[in-house]
Amino acid sequence: MANGARFDARSNSAAHRTLPLGSTVRVTNLDNGRSAEVKVDDRGPYARNRVIDVSPRTASDLGMRDQGTAPVVVTPLDVPGRVAER
């Protein structure tokens, strides 16, 4: 992965094109309302119309593993280098 670690399919890892590595985000599946917190450890996705790739475990938690994709909202929770608002 872009952070130098070996990928673990059971982790809460995610890939995002622009968020800093180490960011924590909430991914919410708009089809069923399920959410999961993931850590951005990699770069991607490089497929069109995709904003984030999540690990297989997280995809299962979000109820989207079988179909492979779902409409989601990505909410940043902790972004390295960003000053928290007061």
N, C-alpha and C. Protein backbone atom coordinates (compact mmCIF):
# COMPACT_ATOMS: atom_id res chain seq x y z
N MET A 1 0.84 -1.17 0.00
CA MET A 1 0.00 0.00 0.00
C MET A 1 0.89 1.24 0.00
N ALA A 2 0.28 2.37 -0.26
CA ALA A 2 1.05 3.61 -0.36
C ALA A 2 1.75 3.99 0.95
N ASN A 3 1.24 3.50 2.08
CA ASN A 3 1.87 3.82 3.36
C ASN A 3 3.01 2.87 3.69
N GLY A 4 3.29 1.89 2.82
CA GLY A 4 4.39 0.97 3.02
C GLY A 4 4.01 -0.33 3.71
N ALA A 5 2.80 -0.42 4.24
CA ALA A 5 2.35 -1.64 4.93
C ALA A 5 1.80 -2.65 3.92
N ARG A 6 1.77 -3.89 4.33
CA ARG A 6 1.18 -4.95 3.52
C ARG A 6 -0.35 -4.89 3.72
N PHE A 7 -1.10 -5.06 2.62
CA PHE A 7 -2.55 -5.00 2.68
C PHE A 7 -3.11 -6.18 3.47
N ASP A 8 -4.05 -5.91 4.37
CA ASP A 8 -4.76 -6.92 5.15
C ASP A 8 -6.24 -6.80 4.83
N ALA A 9 -6.80 -7.81 4.20
CA ALA A 9 -8.21 -7.78 3.79
C ALA A 9 -9.17 -7.68 4.97
N ARG A 10 -8.68 -8.00 6.18
CA ARG A 10 -9.53 -7.93 7.38
C ARG A 10 -9.42 -6.59 8.09
N SER A 11 -8.65 -5.67 7.55
CA SER A 11 -8.43 -4.38 8.20
C SER A 11 -9.55 -3.40 7.84
N ASN A 12 -9.42 -2.20 8.39
CA ASN A 12 -10.35 -1.13 8.04
C ASN A 12 -9.67 -0.14 7.10
N SER A 13 -8.80 -0.64 6.24
CA SER A 13 -8.07 0.20 5.30
C SER A 13 -8.95 0.70 4.17
N ALA A 14 -8.56 1.85 3.63
CA ALA A 14 -9.25 2.42 2.48
C ALA A 14 -8.23 3.11 1.60
N ALA A 15 -8.63 3.30 0.34
CA ALA A 15 -7.81 4.04 -0.61
C ALA A 15 -8.60 5.25 -1.08
N HIS A 16 -7.94 6.40 -1.09
CA HIS A 16 -8.57 7.64 -1.55
C HIS A 16 -7.54 8.41 -2.35
N ARG A 17 -7.99 9.12 -3.38
CA ARG A 17 -7.04 9.82 -4.26
C ARG A 17 -6.41 11.05 -3.61
N THR A 18 -7.15 11.80 -2.78
CA THR A 18 -6.65 13.10 -2.34
C THR A 18 -6.50 13.27 -0.84
N LEU A 19 -7.25 12.55 -0.02
CA LEU A 19 -7.12 12.72 1.42
C LEU A 19 -5.73 12.27 1.87
N PRO A 20 -5.14 12.98 2.82
CA PRO A 20 -3.81 12.58 3.29
C PRO A 20 -3.81 11.17 3.87
N LEU A 21 -2.72 10.44 3.63
CA LEU A 21 -2.57 9.13 4.25
C LEU A 21 -2.65 9.30 5.76
N GLY A 22 -3.32 8.38 6.43
CA GLY A 22 -3.51 8.46 7.87
C GLY A 22 -4.82 9.11 8.27
N SER A 23 -5.56 9.65 7.30
CA SER A 23 -6.87 10.24 7.61
C SER A 23 -7.84 9.16 8.05
N THR A 24 -8.73 9.52 8.97
CA THR A 24 -9.82 8.64 9.37
C THR A 24 -11.10 9.25 8.84
N VAL A 25 -11.91 8.42 8.17
CA VAL A 25 -13.16 8.91 7.59
C VAL A 25 -14.29 7.94 7.92
N ARG A 26 -15.51 8.45 7.91
CA ARG A 26 -16.69 7.61 8.02
C ARG A 26 -17.25 7.42 6.62
N VAL A 27 -17.46 6.18 6.24
CA VAL A 27 -18.07 5.85 4.95
C VAL A 27 -19.48 5.36 5.24
N THR A 28 -20.46 5.99 4.62
CA THR A 28 -21.86 5.61 4.81
C THR A 28 -22.44 5.13 3.50
N ASN A 29 -22.99 3.92 3.52
CA ASN A 29 -23.65 3.33 2.36
C ASN A 29 -25.04 3.95 2.28
N LEU A 30 -25.32 4.69 1.22
CA LEU A 30 -26.60 5.37 1.08
C LEU A 30 -27.75 4.42 0.77
N ASP A 31 -27.45 3.21 0.32
CA ASP A 31 -28.52 2.24 0.04
C ASP A 31 -29.13 1.67 1.31
N ASN A 32 -28.31 1.52 2.39
CA ASN A 32 -28.84 0.88 3.59
C ASN A 32 -28.55 1.65 4.88
N GLY A 33 -27.82 2.76 4.81
CA GLY A 33 -27.54 3.57 5.98
C GLY A 33 -26.42 3.07 6.87
N ARG A 34 -25.80 1.94 6.55
CA ARG A 34 -24.71 1.42 7.37
C ARG A 34 -23.47 2.29 7.21
N SER A 35 -22.74 2.46 8.32
CA SER A 35 -21.52 3.27 8.31
C SER A 35 -20.37 2.48 8.91
N ALA A 36 -19.16 2.87 8.52
CA ALA A 36 -17.94 2.28 9.09
C ALA A 36 -16.85 3.34 9.07
N GLU A 37 -16.00 3.32 10.09
CA GLU A 37 -14.84 4.19 10.10
C GLU A 37 -13.67 3.44 9.47
N VAL A 38 -12.96 4.13 8.57
CA VAL A 38 -11.82 3.53 7.90
C VAL A 38 -10.63 4.49 7.97
N LYS A 39 -9.46 3.93 7.77
CA LYS A 39 -8.24 4.73 7.75
C LYS A 39 -7.69 4.72 6.33
N VAL A 40 -7.39 5.89 5.80
CA VAL A 40 -6.84 6.01 4.45
C VAL A 40 -5.36 5.65 4.50
N ASP A 41 -5.06 4.47 3.94
CA ASP A 41 -3.70 3.95 3.95
C ASP A 41 -3.13 3.76 2.55
N ASP A 42 -3.95 4.06 1.54
CA ASP A 42 -3.52 3.77 0.17
C ASP A 42 -4.10 4.82 -0.77
N ARG A 43 -3.59 4.83 -1.99
CA ARG A 43 -4.06 5.72 -3.03
C ARG A 43 -4.97 4.97 -3.99
N GLY A 44 -5.91 5.67 -4.56
CA GLY A 44 -6.89 5.09 -5.48
C GLY A 44 -8.25 5.56 -5.03
N PRO A 45 -9.30 5.10 -5.54
CA PRO A 45 -9.41 4.16 -6.65
C PRO A 45 -9.14 4.86 -7.98
N TYR A 46 -8.81 4.09 -8.97
CA TYR A 46 -8.51 4.65 -10.27
C TYR A 46 -9.59 4.34 -11.29
N ALA A 47 -10.64 3.66 -10.86
CA ALA A 47 -11.80 3.41 -11.73
C ALA A 47 -12.67 4.66 -11.74
N ARG A 48 -13.26 4.95 -12.87
CA ARG A 48 -14.14 6.11 -12.99
C ARG A 48 -15.32 6.00 -12.04
N ASN A 49 -15.79 7.15 -11.59
CA ASN A 49 -16.99 7.27 -10.77
C ASN A 49 -16.87 6.60 -9.41
N ARG A 50 -15.67 6.37 -8.93
CA ARG A 50 -15.49 5.82 -7.59
C ARG A 50 -14.69 6.81 -6.76
N VAL A 51 -15.12 7.01 -5.53
CA VAL A 51 -14.45 8.00 -4.67
C VAL A 51 -13.57 7.36 -3.61
N ILE A 52 -13.84 6.09 -3.27
CA ILE A 52 -13.07 5.42 -2.23
C ILE A 52 -13.13 3.91 -2.46
N ASP A 53 -12.05 3.23 -2.14
CA ASP A 53 -12.03 1.77 -2.11
C ASP A 53 -11.88 1.36 -0.66
N VAL A 54 -12.64 0.37 -0.23
CA VAL A 54 -12.53 -0.11 1.14
C VAL A 54 -12.12 -1.59 1.13
N SER A 55 -11.60 -2.06 2.26
CA SER A 55 -11.19 -3.46 2.38
C SER A 55 -12.41 -4.37 2.28
N PRO A 56 -12.19 -5.63 1.95
CA PRO A 56 -13.31 -6.58 1.90
C PRO A 56 -14.09 -6.66 3.21
N ARG A 57 -13.40 -6.62 4.35
CA ARG A 57 -14.11 -6.66 5.63
C ARG A 57 -15.03 -5.46 5.79
N THR A 58 -14.53 -4.28 5.45
CA THR A 58 -15.35 -3.08 5.56
C THR A 58 -16.51 -3.12 4.57
N ALA A 59 -16.26 -3.63 3.37
CA ALA A 59 -17.34 -3.77 2.39
C ALA A 59 -18.43 -4.68 2.94
N SER A 60 -18.05 -5.75 3.63
CA SER A 60 -19.05 -6.62 4.27
C SER A 60 -19.81 -5.87 5.36
N ASP A 61 -19.08 -5.13 6.19
CA ASP A 61 -19.72 -4.36 7.26
C ASP A 61 -20.72 -3.36 6.70
N LEU A 62 -20.41 -2.81 5.53
CA LEU A 62 -21.29 -1.82 4.90
C LEU A 62 -22.40 -2.47 4.08
N GLY A 63 -22.37 -3.79 3.95
CA GLY A 63 -23.40 -4.49 3.20
C GLY A 63 -23.29 -4.31 1.70
N MET A 64 -22.06 -4.16 1.20
CA MET A 64 -21.87 -3.94 -0.23
C MET A 64 -20.86 -4.89 -0.85
N ARG A 65 -20.50 -5.92 -0.14
CA ARG A 65 -19.45 -6.81 -0.66
C ARG A 65 -19.92 -7.59 -1.89
N ASP A 66 -21.14 -8.08 -1.87
CA ASP A 66 -21.62 -8.89 -2.99
C ASP A 66 -21.73 -8.10 -4.28
N GLN A 67 -22.27 -6.87 -4.22
CA GLN A 67 -22.41 -6.07 -5.44
C GLN A 67 -21.12 -5.34 -5.82
N GLY A 68 -20.20 -5.16 -4.88
CA GLY A 68 -18.91 -4.58 -5.19
C GLY A 68 -18.85 -3.06 -5.12
N THR A 69 -19.94 -2.39 -5.41
CA THR A 69 -19.97 -0.93 -5.30
C THR A 69 -21.32 -0.51 -4.73
N ALA A 70 -21.36 0.70 -4.22
CA ALA A 70 -22.60 1.27 -3.70
C ALA A 70 -22.41 2.78 -3.64
N PRO A 71 -23.49 3.53 -3.68
CA PRO A 71 -23.35 4.98 -3.47
C PRO A 71 -23.02 5.24 -2.00
N VAL A 72 -21.99 6.04 -1.78
CA VAL A 72 -21.55 6.31 -0.41
C VAL A 72 -21.31 7.80 -0.20
N VAL A 73 -21.27 8.17 1.07
CA VAL A 73 -20.82 9.49 1.49
C VAL A 73 -19.58 9.27 2.33
N VAL A 74 -18.54 10.06 2.07
CA VAL A 74 -17.29 9.97 2.81
C VAL A 74 -17.18 11.24 3.67
N THR A 75 -17.16 11.06 4.99
CA THR A 75 -17.09 12.17 5.93
C THR A 75 -15.76 12.14 6.66
N PRO A 76 -14.89 13.12 6.43
CA PRO A 76 -13.61 13.15 7.15
C PRO A 76 -13.83 13.35 8.65
N LEU A 77 -13.15 12.54 9.47
CA LEU A 77 -13.23 12.66 10.92
C LEU A 77 -11.94 13.20 11.50
N ASP A 78 -10.81 12.72 11.00
CA ASP A 78 -9.50 13.17 11.48
C ASP A 78 -8.56 13.20 10.27
N VAL A 79 -8.11 14.39 9.92
CA VAL A 79 -7.23 14.56 8.78
C VAL A 79 -5.92 15.16 9.25
N PRO A 80 -4.81 14.41 9.12
CA PRO A 80 -3.52 14.93 9.56
C PRO A 80 -3.20 16.28 8.89
N GLY A 81 -2.74 17.21 9.71
CA GLY A 81 -2.37 18.52 9.19
C GLY A 81 -3.50 19.52 9.14
N ARG A 82 -4.72 19.08 9.38
CA ARG A 82 -5.85 20.01 9.37
C ARG A 82 -6.14 20.43 10.79
N VAL A 83 -6.27 21.73 11.00
CA VAL A 83 -6.55 22.27 12.32
C VAL A 83 -8.02 22.08 12.62
N ALA A 84 -8.32 21.53 13.79
CA ALA A 84 -9.71 21.30 14.20
C ALA A 84 -10.43 22.63 14.38
N GLU A 85 -11.68 22.68 13.95
CA GLU A 85 -12.49 23.89 14.12
C GLU A 85 -12.95 23.98 15.57
N ARG A 86 -13.08 25.20 16.06
CA ARG A 86 -13.54 25.39 17.44
C ARG A 86 -14.99 25.71 17.49
